[in-house]
């Protein structure tokens, strides 16, 4: 397989995947799309971590409040 055959196979594969590689502008546009998707994925992961921290904080706070109320009730 020579260089031209390899280029044709790669171009056909990318086209089957839905990427238009007919011009440099289209390739740059696809790169920007992938960068945007990566950015969205990273933000989504950060939001997930934040939600988990908020839930953990709420559970710990509720547990401490329950213990505190139990102590106050037993001291009366």
N, C-alpha and C. Protein backbone atom coordinates (compact mmCIF):
# COMPACT_ATOMS: atom_id res chain seq x y z
N UNK A 1 0.85 -1.17 0.00
CA UNK A 1 0.00 0.00 0.00
C UNK A 1 0.90 1.23 0.00
N UNK A 2 0.70 2.10 -0.95
CA UNK A 2 1.52 3.30 -1.01
C UNK A 2 0.83 4.46 -0.28
N UNK A 3 1.46 5.61 -0.30
CA UNK A 3 0.99 6.79 0.43
C UNK A 3 -0.40 7.24 -0.03
N UNK A 4 -0.64 7.24 -1.34
CA UNK A 4 -1.93 7.68 -1.87
C UNK A 4 -3.05 6.72 -1.46
N UNK A 5 -2.78 5.43 -1.48
CA UNK A 5 -3.78 4.46 -1.05
C UNK A 5 -4.13 4.66 0.43
N UNK A 6 -3.11 4.90 1.23
CA UNK A 6 -3.33 5.12 2.66
C UNK A 6 -4.17 6.37 2.88
N UNK A 7 -3.88 7.44 2.14
CA UNK A 7 -4.66 8.67 2.27
C UNK A 7 -6.12 8.44 1.88
N UNK A 8 -6.34 7.69 0.81
CA UNK A 8 -7.72 7.39 0.37
C UNK A 8 -8.47 6.59 1.43
N UNK A 9 -7.79 5.61 2.00
CA UNK A 9 -8.44 4.78 3.02
C UNK A 9 -8.77 5.61 4.26
N UNK A 10 -7.84 6.44 4.68
CA UNK A 10 -8.08 7.30 5.86
C UNK A 10 -9.22 8.27 5.56
N UNK A 11 -9.19 8.90 4.41
CA UNK A 11 -10.24 9.86 4.04
C UNK A 11 -11.61 9.16 3.98
N UNK A 12 -11.65 7.95 3.42
CA UNK A 12 -12.91 7.21 3.35
C UNK A 12 -13.40 6.83 4.75
N UNK A 13 -12.49 6.44 5.61
CA UNK A 13 -12.87 6.08 6.98
C UNK A 13 -13.42 7.29 7.72
N UNK A 14 -12.73 8.43 7.61
CA UNK A 14 -13.21 9.64 8.28
C UNK A 14 -14.56 10.08 7.73
N UNK A 15 -14.75 9.95 6.43
CA UNK A 15 -16.03 10.30 5.82
C UNK A 15 -17.14 9.39 6.32
N UNK A 16 -16.86 8.11 6.48
CA UNK A 16 -17.85 7.18 7.03
C UNK A 16 -18.21 7.54 8.46
N UNK A 17 -17.27 8.11 9.18
CA UNK A 17 -17.52 8.52 10.56
C UNK A 17 -18.23 9.87 10.63
N UNK A 18 -18.45 10.50 9.49
CA UNK A 18 -19.18 11.76 9.45
C UNK A 18 -18.32 12.99 9.46
N UNK A 19 -17.03 12.85 9.25
CA UNK A 19 -16.13 14.00 9.21
C UNK A 19 -15.86 14.38 7.77
N UNK A 20 -16.03 15.66 7.49
CA UNK A 20 -15.77 16.17 6.14
C UNK A 20 -14.33 16.69 6.11
N UNK A 21 -13.48 15.98 5.41
CA UNK A 21 -12.07 16.36 5.34
C UNK A 21 -11.69 16.81 3.93
N UNK A 22 -12.63 17.41 3.23
CA UNK A 22 -12.37 17.82 1.85
C UNK A 22 -11.56 19.09 1.75
N UNK A 23 -11.52 19.89 2.84
CA UNK A 23 -10.74 21.12 2.79
C UNK A 23 -10.12 21.38 4.16
N UNK A 24 -9.04 22.14 4.20
CA UNK A 24 -8.40 22.45 5.49
C UNK A 24 -9.33 23.17 6.46
N UNK A 25 -10.21 24.01 5.91
CA UNK A 25 -11.16 24.72 6.77
C UNK A 25 -12.09 23.74 7.49
N UNK A 26 -12.53 22.71 6.80
CA UNK A 26 -13.40 21.68 7.40
C UNK A 26 -12.67 20.90 8.48
N UNK A 27 -11.39 20.63 8.25
CA UNK A 27 -10.59 19.91 9.24
C UNK A 27 -10.43 20.75 10.50
N UNK A 28 -10.15 22.05 10.32
CA UNK A 28 -10.01 22.95 11.46
C UNK A 28 -11.33 23.06 12.21
N UNK A 29 -12.44 23.11 11.47
CA UNK A 29 -13.75 23.16 12.10
C UNK A 29 -14.01 21.89 12.92
N UNK A 30 -13.63 20.75 12.40
CA UNK A 30 -13.80 19.50 13.15
C UNK A 30 -12.92 19.50 14.39
N UNK A 31 -11.71 20.04 14.29
CA UNK A 31 -10.84 20.13 15.46
C UNK A 31 -11.46 21.01 16.54
N UNK A 32 -12.06 22.12 16.13
CA UNK A 32 -12.73 23.00 17.08
C UNK A 32 -13.92 22.29 17.73
N UNK A 33 -14.65 21.52 16.94
CA UNK A 33 -15.78 20.77 17.48
C UNK A 33 -15.31 19.77 18.53
N UNK A 34 -14.21 19.07 18.26
CA UNK A 34 -13.68 18.11 19.23
C UNK A 34 -13.18 18.83 20.49
N UNK A 35 -12.57 20.00 20.31
CA UNK A 35 -12.10 20.76 21.47
C UNK A 35 -13.29 21.21 22.32
N UNK A 36 -14.37 21.62 21.68
CA UNK A 36 -15.58 22.03 22.40
C UNK A 36 -16.16 20.84 23.17
N UNK A 37 -16.23 19.69 22.54
CA UNK A 37 -16.74 18.50 23.21
C UNK A 37 -15.87 18.12 24.41
N UNK A 38 -14.57 18.23 24.26
CA UNK A 38 -13.65 17.93 25.37
C UNK A 38 -13.91 18.90 26.52
N UNK A 39 -14.08 20.18 26.20
CA UNK A 39 -14.36 21.20 27.21
C UNK A 39 -15.67 20.89 27.93
N UNK A 40 -16.70 20.52 27.19
CA UNK A 40 -17.99 20.18 27.79
C UNK A 40 -17.87 18.96 28.70
N UNK A 41 -17.11 17.96 28.27
CA UNK A 41 -16.91 16.77 29.09
C UNK A 41 -16.20 17.11 30.39
N UNK A 42 -15.16 17.94 30.31
CA UNK A 42 -14.44 18.34 31.50
C UNK A 42 -15.34 19.11 32.47
N UNK A 43 -16.16 20.02 31.94
CA UNK A 43 -17.09 20.75 32.79
C UNK A 43 -18.10 19.81 33.44
N UNK A 44 -18.59 18.87 32.68
CA UNK A 44 -19.56 17.90 33.21
C UNK A 44 -18.95 17.09 34.35
N UNK A 45 -17.70 16.69 34.19
CA UNK A 45 -17.02 15.94 35.25
C UNK A 45 -16.84 16.79 36.50
N UNK A 46 -16.50 18.08 36.32
CA UNK A 46 -16.34 18.97 37.47
C UNK A 46 -17.67 19.18 38.19
N UNK A 47 -18.74 19.31 37.43
CA UNK A 47 -20.06 19.48 38.03
C UNK A 47 -20.43 18.23 38.82
N UNK A 48 -20.12 17.06 38.28
CA UNK A 48 -20.39 15.81 38.99
C UNK A 48 -19.66 15.73 40.31
N UNK A 49 -18.41 16.16 40.33
CA UNK A 49 -17.63 16.17 41.56
C UNK A 49 -18.25 17.14 42.56
N UNK A 50 -18.66 18.30 42.07
CA UNK A 50 -19.28 19.30 42.94
C UNK A 50 -20.58 18.79 43.56
N UNK A 51 -21.39 18.12 42.75
CA UNK A 51 -22.66 17.58 43.25
C UNK A 51 -22.38 16.53 44.31
N UNK A 52 -21.40 15.67 44.09
CA UNK A 52 -21.06 14.65 45.10
C UNK A 52 -20.60 15.29 46.41
N UNK A 53 -19.79 16.34 46.30
CA UNK A 53 -19.33 17.03 47.51
C UNK A 53 -20.49 17.67 48.26
N UNK A 54 -21.42 18.26 47.53
CA UNK A 54 -22.58 18.88 48.17
C UNK A 54 -23.42 17.82 48.87
N UNK A 55 -23.64 16.68 48.21
CA UNK A 55 -24.42 15.61 48.83
C UNK A 55 -23.72 15.08 50.08
N UNK A 56 -22.42 14.87 50.01
CA UNK A 56 -21.67 14.37 51.16
C UNK A 56 -21.73 15.38 52.32
N UNK A 57 -21.58 16.66 52.01
CA UNK A 57 -21.66 17.69 53.03
C UNK A 57 -23.04 17.70 53.68
N UNK A 58 -24.08 17.55 52.87
CA UNK A 58 -25.45 17.54 53.41
C UNK A 58 -25.67 16.34 54.32
N UNK A 59 -25.18 15.19 53.91
CA UNK A 59 -25.35 13.98 54.74
C UNK A 59 -24.59 14.12 56.06
N UNK A 60 -23.37 14.62 56.01
CA UNK A 60 -22.59 14.81 57.23
C UNK A 60 -23.25 15.84 58.14
N UNK A 61 -23.73 16.94 57.55
CA UNK A 61 -24.40 17.97 58.35
C UNK A 61 -25.66 17.42 59.01
N UNK A 62 -26.43 16.65 58.28
CA UNK A 62 -27.65 16.06 58.85
C UNK A 62 -27.30 15.10 59.98
N UNK A 63 -26.25 14.33 59.80
CA UNK A 63 -25.82 13.40 60.85
C UNK A 63 -25.37 14.15 62.10
N UNK A 64 -24.58 15.19 61.91
CA UNK A 64 -24.12 15.97 63.06
C UNK A 64 -25.29 16.68 63.75
N UNK A 65 -26.24 17.19 62.98
CA UNK A 65 -27.41 17.83 63.57
C UNK A 65 -28.23 16.83 64.37
N UNK A 66 -28.36 15.63 63.85
CA UNK A 66 -29.11 14.59 64.57
C UNK A 66 -28.41 14.24 65.88
N UNK A 67 -27.11 14.10 65.85
CA UNK A 67 -26.35 13.82 67.07
C UNK A 67 -26.50 14.96 68.06
N UNK A 68 -26.38 16.19 67.59
CA UNK A 68 -26.50 17.35 68.45
C UNK A 68 -27.89 17.42 69.09
N UNK A 69 -28.92 17.20 68.30
CA UNK A 69 -30.27 17.22 68.86
C UNK A 69 -30.47 16.09 69.86
N UNK A 70 -29.88 14.94 69.60
CA UNK A 70 -29.96 13.82 70.56
C UNK A 70 -29.29 14.16 71.87
N UNK A 71 -28.13 14.79 71.79
CA UNK A 71 -27.40 15.19 73.01
C UNK A 71 -28.21 16.23 73.79
N UNK A 72 -28.74 17.21 73.09
CA UNK A 72 -29.56 18.25 73.75
C UNK A 72 -30.78 17.66 74.41
N UNK A 73 -31.41 16.70 73.72
CA UNK A 73 -32.63 16.07 74.27
C UNK A 73 -32.29 15.24 75.49
N UNK A 74 -31.15 14.55 75.47
CA UNK A 74 -30.80 13.69 76.62
C UNK A 74 -30.36 14.51 77.83
N UNK A 75 -29.90 15.74 77.63
CA UNK A 75 -29.47 16.57 78.73
C UNK A 75 -30.63 17.28 79.43
N UNK A 76 -31.80 17.27 78.87
CA UNK A 76 -32.96 17.95 79.48
C UNK A 76 -33.56 17.18 80.57
